[in-house]
């Protein structure tokens, strides 16, 4: 699915198969992504993720326990976003605004945070 310049505020994306999703220049405040799958399982130990969520307001969205590894997640607003147990490892989070973001709750190892406001 591709969403461009859409109002996705409070959208329910729970438990969807979202491999390759594109959300660009959108408002997605309060959207719920719990249980959403952005990955293609090749074997039980091998997978890859694909998602393009860019220039989007993700304030107060819920990404709890979501895996978004090595994805394009740049220039988003993450104010108060729920990320408990989420994995963003290796993703491009550059240019993001992270006020009230709980850095201890999510895995952000090897992420690009260039030009981000880490608040």
C-alpha atoms as a PDB file:
ATOM      1  CA  UNK A   1       0.000   0.000   0.000  1.00  0.00           C
ATOM      2  CA  UNK A   2       1.133   3.541  -0.713  1.00  0.00           C
ATOM      3  CA  UNK A   3      -0.101   6.542   1.262  1.00  0.00           C
ATOM      4  CA  UNK A   4       1.027  10.024   0.173  1.00  0.00           C
ATOM      5  CA  UNK A   5      -0.159  13.256   1.813  1.00  0.00           C
ATOM      6  CA  UNK A   6      -2.917  11.391   3.681  1.00  0.00           C
ATOM      7  CA  UNK A   7      -4.501  11.919   7.076  1.00  0.00           C
ATOM      8  CA  UNK A   8      -3.992   8.569   8.803  1.00  0.00           C
ATOM      9  CA  UNK A   9      -4.501   9.928  12.323  1.00  0.00           C
ATOM     10  CA  UNK A  10      -5.779   7.246  14.714  1.00  0.00           C
ATOM     11  CA  UNK A  11      -5.672   4.637  11.909  1.00  0.00           C
ATOM     12  CA  UNK A  12      -5.763   0.991  12.979  1.00  0.00           C
ATOM     13  CA  UNK A  13      -2.887  -0.872  11.316  1.00  0.00           C
ATOM     14  CA  UNK A  14      -2.808  -3.634  13.951  1.00  0.00           C
ATOM     15  CA  UNK A  15      -1.711  -7.067  12.729  1.00  0.00           C
ATOM     16  CA  UNK A  16      -1.499  -6.101   9.038  1.00  0.00           C
ATOM     17  CA  UNK A  17       0.998  -7.482   6.549  1.00  0.00           C
ATOM     18  CA  UNK A  18       2.782  -4.221   5.736  1.00  0.00           C
ATOM     19  CA  UNK A  19       5.836  -5.462   3.808  1.00  0.00           C
ATOM     20  CA  UNK A  20       6.911  -2.661   1.458  1.00  0.00           C
ATOM     21  CA  UNK A  21       4.403  -0.121   2.781  1.00  0.00           C
ATOM     22  CA  UNK A  22       4.974   3.524   1.856  1.00  0.00           C
ATOM     23  CA  UNK A  23       3.709   6.294   4.115  1.00  0.00           C
ATOM     24  CA  UNK A  24       5.051   9.651   2.926  1.00  0.00           C
ATOM     25  CA  UNK A  25       4.164  13.232   3.900  1.00  0.00           C
ATOM     26  CA  UNK A  26       1.274  12.012   6.064  1.00  0.00           C
ATOM     27  CA  UNK A  27      -0.308  12.729   9.418  1.00  0.00           C
ATOM     28  CA  UNK A  28      -0.424   9.510  11.415  1.00  0.00           C
ATOM     29  CA  UNK A  29      -0.773  10.797  14.983  1.00  0.00           C
ATOM     30  CA  UNK A  30      -2.055   8.117  17.324  1.00  0.00           C
ATOM     31  CA  UNK A  31      -2.004   5.384  14.675  1.00  0.00           C
ATOM     32  CA  UNK A  32      -1.707   1.843  16.019  1.00  0.00           C
ATOM     33  CA  UNK A  33       0.876  -0.430  14.374  1.00  0.00           C
ATOM     34  CA  UNK A  34       1.007  -3.127  17.096  1.00  0.00           C
ATOM     35  CA  UNK A  35       1.428  -6.560  15.569  1.00  0.00           C
ATOM     36  CA  UNK A  36       2.036  -5.157  12.071  1.00  0.00           C
ATOM     37  CA  UNK A  37       4.551  -7.161  10.049  1.00  0.00           C
ATOM     38  CA  UNK A  38       7.020  -5.312   7.849  1.00  0.00           C
ATOM     39  CA  UNK A  39       9.107  -8.432   7.239  1.00  0.00           C
ATOM     40  CA  UNK A  40       9.493 -11.279   4.797  1.00  0.00           C
ATOM     41  CA  UNK A  41      10.477 -14.456   6.621  1.00  0.00           C
ATOM     42  CA  UNK A  42      12.861 -16.529   4.507  1.00  0.00           C
ATOM     43  CA  UNK A  43      13.592 -19.036   7.275  1.00  0.00           C
ATOM     44  CA  UNK A  44      12.920 -18.909  11.009  1.00  0.00           C
ATOM     45  CA  UNK A  45      16.318 -17.230  11.437  1.00  0.00           C
ATOM     46  CA  UNK A  46      16.517 -15.208   8.218  1.00  0.00           C
ATOM     47  CA  UNK A  47      14.294 -12.320   7.204  1.00  0.00           C
ATOM     48  CA  UNK A  48      14.317  -8.836   5.796  1.00  0.00           C
ATOM     49  CA  UNK A  49      12.105  -5.826   6.423  1.00  0.00           C
ATOM     50  CA  UNK A  50      10.838  -3.265   3.957  1.00  0.00           C
ATOM     51  CA  UNK A  51       9.038  -0.024   4.836  1.00  0.00           C
ATOM     52  CA  UNK A  52       9.233   3.596   3.727  1.00  0.00           C
ATOM     53  CA  UNK A  53       7.743   5.894   6.350  1.00  0.00           C
ATOM     54  CA  UNK A  54       9.088   9.386   5.670  1.00  0.00           C
ATOM     55  CA  UNK A  55       8.180  13.024   6.378  1.00  0.00           C
ATOM     56  CA  UNK A  56       5.310  11.828   8.554  1.00  0.00           C
ATOM     57  CA  UNK A  57       3.953  12.918  11.926  1.00  0.00           C
ATOM     58  CA  UNK A  58       4.011   9.754  14.058  1.00  0.00           C
ATOM     59  CA  UNK A  59       3.360  11.541  17.361  1.00  0.00           C
ATOM     60  CA  UNK A  60       1.695   9.254  19.908  1.00  0.00           C
ATOM     61  CA  UNK A  61       1.556   6.368  17.409  1.00  0.00           C
ATOM     62  CA  UNK A  62       2.034   2.871  18.829  1.00  0.00           C
ATOM     63  CA  UNK A  63       4.909   0.794  17.443  1.00  0.00           C
ATOM     64  CA  UNK A  64       5.201  -1.521  20.477  1.00  0.00           C
ATOM     65  CA  UNK A  65       7.063  -4.757  19.622  1.00  0.00           C
ATOM     66  CA  UNK A  66       7.209  -3.858  15.900  1.00  0.00           C
ATOM     67  CA  UNK A  67      10.298  -4.870  13.878  1.00  0.00           C
ATOM     68  CA  UNK A  68      11.417  -2.220  11.361  1.00  0.00           C
ATOM     69  CA  UNK A  69      15.040  -3.202  10.701  1.00  0.00           C
ATOM     70  CA  UNK A  70      17.029  -1.469   7.947  1.00  0.00           C
ATOM     71  CA  UNK A  71      14.026   0.609   6.846  1.00  0.00           C
ATOM     72  CA  UNK A  72      13.667   4.152   5.504  1.00  0.00           C
ATOM     73  CA  UNK A  73      12.183   6.099   8.425  1.00  0.00           C
ATOM     74  CA  UNK A  74      13.659   9.563   7.892  1.00  0.00           C
ATOM     75  CA  UNK A  75      12.386  13.054   8.727  1.00  0.00           C
ATOM     76  CA  UNK A  76       9.519  11.835  10.896  1.00  0.00           C
ATOM     77  CA  UNK A  77       8.115  13.356  14.065  1.00  0.00           C
ATOM     78  CA  UNK A  78       8.215  10.807  16.912  1.00  0.00           C
ATOM     79  CA  UNK A  79       6.853  12.901  19.810  1.00  0.00           C
ATOM     80  CA  UNK A  80       5.537  10.583  22.534  1.00  0.00           C
ATOM     81  CA  UNK A  81       5.515   7.588  20.186  1.00  0.00           C
ATOM     82  CA  UNK A  82       5.112   4.243  21.994  1.00  0.00           C
ATOM     83  CA  UNK A  83       8.095   2.035  21.114  1.00  0.00           C
ATOM     84  CA  UNK A  84       8.299  -0.517  23.950  1.00  0.00           C
ATOM     85  CA  UNK A  85      10.067  -3.597  22.582  1.00  0.00           C
ATOM     86  CA  UNK A  86      10.319  -2.172  19.038  1.00  0.00           C
ATOM     87  CA  UNK A  87      13.386  -2.840  16.866  1.00  0.00           C
ATOM     88  CA  UNK A  88      14.620  -0.156  14.460  1.00  0.00           C
ATOM     89  CA  UNK A  89      18.136  -1.610  14.158  1.00  0.00           C
ATOM     90  CA  UNK A  90      20.018  -0.359  11.095  1.00  0.00           C
ATOM     91  CA  UNK A  91      17.218   1.963   9.963  1.00  0.00           C
ATOM     92  CA  UNK A  92      17.609   5.491   8.622  1.00  0.00           C
ATOM     93  CA  UNK A  93      16.061   7.734  11.293  1.00  0.00           C
ATOM     94  CA  UNK A  94      17.886  10.844  10.078  1.00  0.00           C
ATOM     95  CA  UNK A  95      16.258  14.247  10.354  1.00  0.00           C
ATOM     96  CA  UNK A  96      13.750  12.980  12.909  1.00  0.00           C
ATOM     97  CA  UNK A  97      12.236  14.858  15.828  1.00  0.00           C
ATOM     98  CA  UNK A  98      12.320  12.678  18.948  1.00  0.00           C
ATOM     99  CA  UNK A  99      10.886  14.726  21.815  1.00  0.00           C
ATOM    100  CA  UNK A 100       9.482  12.575  24.657  1.00  0.00           C
ATOM    101  CA  UNK A 101      10.936   9.462  22.978  1.00  0.00           C
ATOM    102  CA  UNK A 102      11.911   6.607  25.327  1.00  0.00           C
ATOM    103  CA  UNK A 103      15.331   5.599  23.974  1.00  0.00           C
ATOM    104  CA  UNK A 104      15.651   2.724  26.469  1.00  0.00           C
ATOM    105  CA  UNK A 105      12.409   1.099  25.297  1.00  0.00           C
ATOM    106  CA  UNK A 106      13.494   0.363  21.692  1.00  0.00           C
ATOM    107  CA  UNK A 107      16.493  -1.082  19.854  1.00  0.00           C
ATOM    108  CA  UNK A 108      18.076   1.686  17.764  1.00  0.00           C
ATOM    109  CA  UNK A 109      21.522   0.107  17.290  1.00  0.00           C
ATOM    110  CA  UNK A 110      23.312   1.059  14.069  1.00  0.00           C
ATOM    111  CA  UNK A 111      20.606   3.602  13.141  1.00  0.00           C
ATOM    112  CA  UNK A 112      21.417   6.779  11.226  1.00  0.00           C
ATOM    113  CA  UNK A 113      20.358   9.701  13.436  1.00  0.00           C
ATOM    114  CA  UNK A 114      22.120  12.411  11.407  1.00  0.00           C
ATOM    115  CA  UNK A 115      20.492  15.851  11.805  1.00  0.00           C
ATOM    116  CA  UNK A 116      17.904  14.518  14.260  1.00  0.00           C
ATOM    117  CA  UNK A 117      16.559  16.403  17.280  1.00  0.00           C
ATOM    118  CA  UNK A 118      17.008  13.878  20.068  1.00  0.00           C
ATOM    119  CA  UNK A 119      15.078  15.830  22.770  1.00  0.00           C
END
